[in-house]
Amino acid sequence: MGTPSVNKSGYYVDVMEVGSGTTIIGQLEPNEAFIFTGYAGSLYAVHFKTTSGSMANGQVSSPPTYTMSNIAGYAYSTITNADGISRYTLISRRSATIYKGDGTTWGTLASGAQVALTWSGSMSGIFTGTSNPTWIAVSYVQQMPAGTWVKVDGAGYNYGFIPMGFEYGSSGNTLTLYGTF
């Protein structure tokens, strides 16, 4: 489980091989999305897209301010759903499969629809899957063309997941789900 994040520092930030602390395996570019997965001592653990196009785990040492910015801070919008909770939204660039919390298929998200991110009352409440770290947790999806909001749940979970689209890239203009970054 991780936190979807975006590098808003304005700098290229080196990502090092896990455990080495010195071997650079890639960079987080300005405005690039990635998954912050926790701390490894004084290092920040990340799951990011490499220059070869694959996802990899790495570590960042002493990142500049705003490198680890939660993606919720750059949401497309906010919405208060039927349950009365205000949530950040992202919007879809292309259709995507929606999964229940257990990873089985729930349905399909239409291109141009918004998703309401699963929220626990703090920005750290936005999270990704454990088995699929590039799948973001969602509570509601907008059905198109009517624009009505529908709760995503099932299999004992009150949320589901949607792949963020890292297979297409890691910037706001390539990801399936994006906001204002």
Protein backbone atom coordinates (compact mmCIF):
# COMPACT_ATOMS: atom_id res chain seq x y z
CA MET A 1 0.00 0.00 0.00
CA GLY A 2 1.32 3.44 -0.87
CA THR A 3 0.38 7.05 -1.41
CA PRO A 4 -0.01 8.33 -4.98
CA SER A 5 2.32 11.30 -5.22
CA VAL A 6 3.69 13.82 -7.68
CA ASN A 7 7.06 15.57 -7.79
CA LYS A 8 6.13 19.25 -7.51
CA SER A 9 9.61 20.38 -6.45
CA GLY A 10 10.55 21.70 -9.89
CA TYR A 11 13.72 19.58 -9.78
CA TYR A 12 14.88 16.26 -11.19
CA VAL A 13 15.28 13.98 -8.16
CA ASP A 14 17.64 10.99 -8.26
CA VAL A 15 16.21 7.59 -7.32
CA MET A 16 18.68 5.08 -5.92
CA GLU A 17 18.69 1.31 -5.92
CA VAL A 18 17.06 -0.17 -2.81
CA GLY A 19 19.72 -0.94 -0.23
CA SER A 20 22.63 0.74 -2.03
CA GLY A 21 22.07 4.36 -1.09
CA THR A 22 24.39 5.44 -3.92
CA THR A 23 23.59 3.60 -7.18
CA ILE A 24 21.24 5.82 -9.21
CA ILE A 25 18.61 3.83 -11.14
CA GLY A 26 16.45 6.68 -12.36
CA GLN A 27 14.96 10.10 -11.68
CA LEU A 28 11.65 11.61 -10.69
CA GLU A 29 11.06 14.38 -13.21
CA PRO A 30 9.19 17.58 -12.36
CA ASN A 31 5.42 16.88 -12.31
CA GLU A 32 5.99 13.13 -12.55
CA ALA A 33 3.60 10.85 -10.66
CA PHE A 34 4.89 7.95 -8.56
CA ILE A 35 3.91 5.96 -5.48
CA PHE A 36 5.43 6.87 -2.11
CA THR A 37 5.63 3.55 -0.25
CA GLY A 38 7.15 4.54 3.10
CA TYR A 39 10.39 5.25 4.84
CA ALA A 40 13.56 3.18 4.91
CA GLY A 41 15.45 4.84 7.73
CA SER A 42 16.21 8.36 6.51
CA LEU A 43 15.36 7.44 2.91
CA TYR A 44 11.99 7.70 1.15
CA ALA A 45 10.86 4.48 -0.54
CA VAL A 46 9.16 4.95 -3.93
CA HIS A 47 7.63 2.87 -6.73
CA PHE A 48 8.29 4.74 -9.99
CA LYS A 49 8.46 4.43 -13.76
CA THR A 50 12.00 3.92 -15.08
CA THR A 51 13.34 5.26 -18.36
CA SER A 52 12.92 1.73 -19.80
CA GLY A 53 9.18 2.01 -19.10
CA SER A 54 8.97 -0.55 -16.31
CA MET A 55 7.92 0.11 -12.73
CA ALA A 56 10.62 -0.30 -10.08
CA ASN A 57 11.19 0.21 -6.39
CA GLY A 58 13.79 2.74 -5.36
CA GLN A 59 14.84 5.16 -2.63
CA VAL A 60 15.19 8.92 -2.49
CA SER A 61 17.55 10.68 -0.10
CA SER A 62 16.84 14.21 1.18
CA PRO A 63 14.34 15.19 -1.51
CA PRO A 64 13.69 18.89 -2.16
CA THR A 65 10.53 20.38 -0.69
CA TYR A 66 7.34 19.29 -2.48
CA THR A 67 8.95 16.21 -4.06
CA MET A 68 6.62 13.89 -2.12
CA SER A 69 3.41 15.87 -2.76
CA ASN A 70 0.25 13.80 -2.28
CA ILE A 71 -1.69 13.61 -5.53
CA ALA A 72 -4.84 14.72 -3.65
CA GLY A 73 -3.35 18.20 -3.46
CA TYR A 74 -3.55 18.32 -7.27
CA ALA A 75 -6.99 16.76 -7.69
CA TYR A 76 -9.30 17.55 -10.58
CA SER A 77 -12.08 18.64 -8.21
CA THR A 78 -13.87 17.72 -4.98
CA ILE A 79 -17.29 16.16 -4.55
CA THR A 80 -19.53 15.39 -1.59
CA ASN A 81 -21.07 11.99 -2.24
CA ALA A 82 -24.30 10.46 -0.92
CA ASP A 83 -22.54 9.43 2.30
CA GLY A 84 -21.85 13.11 3.09
CA ILE A 85 -18.07 12.80 2.87
CA SER A 86 -16.12 15.27 0.75
CA ARG A 87 -13.61 13.54 -1.51
CA TYR A 88 -10.96 14.57 -4.01
CA THR A 89 -11.58 13.50 -7.60
CA LEU A 90 -9.45 12.60 -10.59
CA ILE A 91 -10.75 12.43 -14.16
CA SER A 92 -10.20 9.64 -16.69
CA ARG A 93 -8.43 10.15 -19.99
CA ARG A 94 -9.46 6.72 -21.28
CA SER A 95 -11.70 3.87 -20.15
CA ALA A 96 -10.37 1.56 -17.44
CA THR A 97 -11.42 -1.53 -15.55
CA ILE A 98 -12.75 -0.96 -12.03
CA TYR A 99 -11.88 -3.66 -9.49
CA LYS A 100 -13.48 -4.61 -6.17
CA GLY A 101 -11.25 -4.54 -3.09
CA ASP A 102 -10.38 -8.21 -3.62
CA GLY A 103 -9.16 -7.61 -7.18
CA THR A 104 -12.16 -9.08 -9.03
CA THR A 105 -13.80 -6.99 -11.73
CA TRP A 106 -16.54 -4.54 -10.67
CA GLY A 107 -17.14 -2.73 -13.97
CA THR A 108 -15.71 -0.24 -16.46
CA LEU A 109 -14.91 3.44 -16.03
CA ALA A 110 -15.76 5.55 -19.07
CA SER A 111 -13.36 8.03 -20.60
CA GLY A 112 -14.13 11.52 -19.27
CA ALA A 113 -15.68 10.24 -16.02
CA GLN A 114 -14.49 11.35 -12.61
CA VAL A 115 -13.56 9.06 -9.71
CA ALA A 116 -13.91 9.98 -6.02
CA LEU A 117 -10.82 8.85 -4.14
CA THR A 118 -11.20 6.77 -1.00
CA TRP A 119 -10.80 9.13 1.90
CA SER A 120 -10.15 8.69 5.61
CA GLY A 121 -10.19 12.33 6.69
CA SER A 122 -6.57 13.20 5.96
CA MET A 123 -4.54 13.50 2.78
CA SER A 124 -2.57 10.44 3.87
CA GLY A 125 -5.85 8.53 3.56
CA ILE A 126 -5.48 8.39 -0.24
CA PHE A 127 -3.92 4.99 -0.97
CA THR A 128 -3.03 2.37 -3.55
CA GLY A 129 -3.27 -1.41 -3.50
CA THR A 130 -0.85 -3.71 -1.77
CA SER A 131 -0.72 -6.36 -4.50
CA ASN A 132 -1.12 -3.74 -7.25
CA PRO A 133 0.66 -0.58 -6.06
CA THR A 134 -0.34 1.45 -9.14
CA TRP A 135 -4.08 0.88 -8.54
CA ILE A 136 -5.67 3.81 -6.68
CA ALA A 137 -8.49 3.27 -4.18
CA VAL A 138 -11.83 4.82 -5.17
CA SER A 139 -15.15 5.06 -3.33
CA TYR A 140 -17.39 6.36 -6.12
CA VAL A 141 -17.27 6.58 -9.90
CA GLN A 142 -19.21 8.83 -12.22
CA GLN A 143 -21.36 6.98 -14.73
CA MET A 144 -21.48 8.55 -18.15
CA PRO A 145 -23.20 10.09 -19.99
CA ALA A 146 -25.63 10.99 -17.16
CA GLY A 147 -22.86 11.95 -14.72
CA THR A 148 -24.47 10.16 -11.77
CA TRP A 149 -22.23 8.90 -8.96
CA VAL A 150 -22.23 5.20 -8.04
CA LYS A 151 -20.64 3.59 -4.95
CA VAL A 152 -17.84 1.11 -5.70
CA ASP A 153 -17.94 -1.78 -3.25
CA GLY A 154 -18.27 -5.53 -3.05
CA ALA A 155 -16.43 -8.62 -1.85
CA GLY A 156 -16.53 -7.24 1.72
CA TYR A 157 -14.88 -3.92 0.86
CA ASN A 158 -16.44 -0.43 0.82
CA TYR A 159 -14.13 0.73 -1.97
CA GLY A 160 -12.52 -0.52 -5.13
CA PHE A 161 -9.45 0.14 -7.25
CA ILE A 162 -8.68 1.58 -10.68
CA PRO A 163 -5.30 1.30 -12.40
CA MET A 164 -3.79 4.79 -12.62
CA GLY A 165 -2.36 4.08 -16.08
CA PHE A 166 1.40 4.03 -15.50
CA GLU A 167 1.68 1.74 -18.52
CA TYR A 168 0.97 4.86 -20.62
CA GLY A 169 3.41 7.14 -18.78
CA SER A 170 3.82 8.90 -15.46
CA SER A 171 2.90 12.50 -16.22
CA GLY A 172 -0.43 14.26 -15.96
CA ASN A 173 -0.81 14.20 -19.74
CA THR A 174 -0.31 10.42 -20.08
CA LEU A 175 -1.85 8.76 -17.01
CA THR A 176 -5.35 7.32 -17.29
CA LEU A 177 -6.39 9.16 -14.11
CA TYR A 178 -5.20 12.72 -13.69
CA GLY A 179 -5.85 15.99 -11.90
CA THR A 180 -4.22 19.40 -12.13
CA PHE A 181 -0.58 18.30 -12.10
